[in-house]
Amino acid sequence: MGWSLGYDSNWGRDIGYGVPATCDHPECNEEIDRGLAYVCGGQPYGGERGCGLYFCGSHLHLSAQRPQLCERCDKSRKAFLAKPDHPEWIEWKLTHESWAQWRAENPEEVAKMKATKEVK
């Protein structure tokens, strides 16, 4: 199984190293991807201790004794809010031929994505 593309039902968004993203820390706009290297908890959905959000290296706390965690999970606090999809990812899903069937099967999601794109 590859980790380039998947779906996180907890946060309702696409994940994987093939998904461009922005660090989920509210004060950061670093461009990353939603691969395992950036996920709080070190596993999809966050594993046992993490929130499952995605952070740049500056916002993940690394330790030999536990998985990589964001500052809130490191202190056992409530998770940050997830940031919206990266504009590059939205454009890809709305235009790339590999997503044609998904677009046909999910017209409501496509409409939301187009509306989000127009707002920016």
Protein backbone atom coordinates (compact mmCIF):
# COMPACT_ATOMS: atom_id res chain seq x y z
CA MET A 1 0.00 0.00 0.00
CA GLY A 2 1.29 3.46 -0.86
CA TRP A 3 0.91 6.59 1.19
CA SER A 4 0.67 9.09 -1.66
CA LEU A 5 -3.10 9.55 -1.37
CA GLY A 6 -5.72 8.61 1.17
CA TYR A 7 -8.62 10.09 3.07
CA ASP A 8 -8.86 11.02 6.74
CA SER A 9 -12.48 10.62 7.83
CA ASN A 10 -11.73 12.24 11.21
CA TRP A 11 -10.81 15.58 9.61
CA GLY A 12 -12.73 15.08 6.35
CA ARG A 13 -9.84 15.72 4.00
CA ASP A 14 -7.36 14.07 1.66
CA ILE A 15 -4.02 12.97 3.09
CA GLY A 16 -0.77 11.51 1.81
CA TYR A 17 2.59 12.73 0.55
CA GLY A 18 0.95 13.47 -2.82
CA VAL A 19 -1.32 16.10 -1.24
CA PRO A 20 0.18 19.60 -1.03
CA ALA A 21 -0.80 21.40 2.15
CA THR A 22 -0.07 24.24 4.52
CA CYS A 23 1.16 23.65 8.06
CA ASP A 24 -1.89 23.41 10.34
CA HIS A 25 -0.33 25.64 13.00
CA PRO A 26 -2.50 28.79 13.00
CA GLU A 27 0.50 31.15 12.83
CA CYS A 28 2.34 29.33 10.03
CA ASN A 29 1.99 29.23 6.26
CA GLU A 30 4.84 26.82 5.47
CA GLU A 31 4.08 24.61 2.49
CA ILE A 32 4.32 20.89 3.28
CA ASP A 33 2.42 17.77 2.24
CA ARG A 34 0.07 15.54 4.19
CA GLY A 35 2.50 12.65 4.38
CA LEU A 36 3.62 10.69 7.43
CA ALA A 37 6.67 12.91 7.95
CA TYR A 38 4.38 15.81 8.91
CA VAL A 39 1.53 14.16 10.80
CA CYS A 40 1.08 14.76 14.53
CA GLY A 41 1.29 11.35 16.15
CA GLY A 42 3.42 9.84 13.39
CA GLN A 43 0.51 7.82 11.96
CA PRO A 44 -2.65 8.59 9.98
CA TYR A 45 -5.39 9.82 12.32
CA GLY A 46 -2.65 10.68 14.84
CA GLY A 47 -2.03 7.27 16.33
CA GLU A 48 -2.55 6.95 20.09
CA ARG A 49 -1.33 10.42 21.17
CA GLY A 50 -1.57 12.80 18.23
CA CYS A 51 -4.37 14.81 16.66
CA GLY A 52 -3.66 13.72 13.08
CA LEU A 53 -3.13 17.26 11.79
CA TYR A 54 -0.07 18.14 9.67
CA PHE A 55 2.76 20.44 10.75
CA CYS A 56 6.08 21.66 9.39
CA GLY A 57 9.28 20.69 11.20
CA SER A 58 9.18 23.87 13.27
CA HIS A 59 5.82 22.91 14.78
CA LEU A 60 6.35 19.21 15.49
CA HIS A 61 8.07 18.20 18.72
CA LEU A 62 10.33 15.20 18.24
CA SER A 63 11.33 12.78 20.97
CA ALA A 64 13.00 9.37 21.09
CA GLN A 65 10.47 8.19 23.70
CA ARG A 66 7.22 9.11 21.91
CA PRO A 67 5.89 9.97 18.45
CA GLN A 68 6.21 13.40 16.85
CA LEU A 69 3.58 15.70 18.33
CA CYS A 70 2.32 19.24 17.81
CA GLU A 71 2.61 21.63 20.76
CA ARG A 72 -0.98 21.05 21.85
CA CYS A 73 -0.82 17.25 21.81
CA ASP A 74 2.58 17.40 23.51
CA LYS A 75 0.77 19.12 26.41
CA SER A 76 -2.40 16.94 26.14
CA ARG A 77 -4.52 19.91 25.03
CA LYS A 78 -7.32 20.23 22.49
CA ALA A 79 -6.20 20.13 18.83
CA PHE A 80 -5.82 23.16 16.59
CA LEU A 81 -8.41 23.62 13.86
CA ALA A 82 -7.55 22.04 10.51
CA LYS A 83 -6.66 24.47 7.73
CA PRO A 84 -8.50 24.30 4.41
CA ASP A 85 -7.06 22.50 1.41
CA HIS A 86 -4.12 24.12 -0.35
CA PRO A 87 -5.12 26.04 -3.52
CA GLU A 88 -2.81 23.81 -5.59
CA TRP A 89 -4.67 20.70 -4.38
CA ILE A 90 -8.07 22.27 -5.06
CA GLU A 91 -6.99 23.14 -8.60
CA TRP A 92 -5.70 19.59 -9.15
CA LYS A 93 -8.95 17.97 -8.00
CA LEU A 94 -11.04 20.39 -10.07
CA THR A 95 -9.10 19.99 -13.32
CA HIS A 96 -6.95 16.86 -13.53
CA GLU A 97 -8.35 14.02 -15.64
CA SER A 98 -7.56 11.48 -12.91
CA TRP A 99 -10.25 13.13 -10.75
CA ALA A 100 -12.97 13.23 -13.45
CA GLN A 101 -14.94 10.32 -12.00
CA TRP A 102 -14.72 11.77 -8.48
CA ARG A 103 -16.03 15.11 -9.80
CA ALA A 104 -18.93 13.36 -11.54
CA GLU A 105 -19.82 11.43 -8.37
CA ASN A 106 -19.45 14.37 -5.96
CA PRO A 107 -21.09 17.46 -7.50
CA GLU A 108 -21.79 19.04 -4.10
CA GLU A 109 -18.12 18.79 -3.06
CA VAL A 110 -17.05 20.20 -6.44
CA ALA A 111 -19.41 23.15 -5.97
CA LYS A 112 -17.95 23.81 -2.49
CA MET A 113 -14.41 23.67 -3.84
CA LYS A 114 -15.24 26.05 -6.69
CA ALA A 115 -16.87 28.47 -4.24
CA THR A 116 -13.80 28.31 -1.98
CA LYS A 117 -11.54 28.96 -4.96
CA GLU A 118 -13.60 31.99 -6.05
CA VAL A 119 -13.50 33.55 -2.57
CA LYS A 120 -9.69 33.66 -2.57
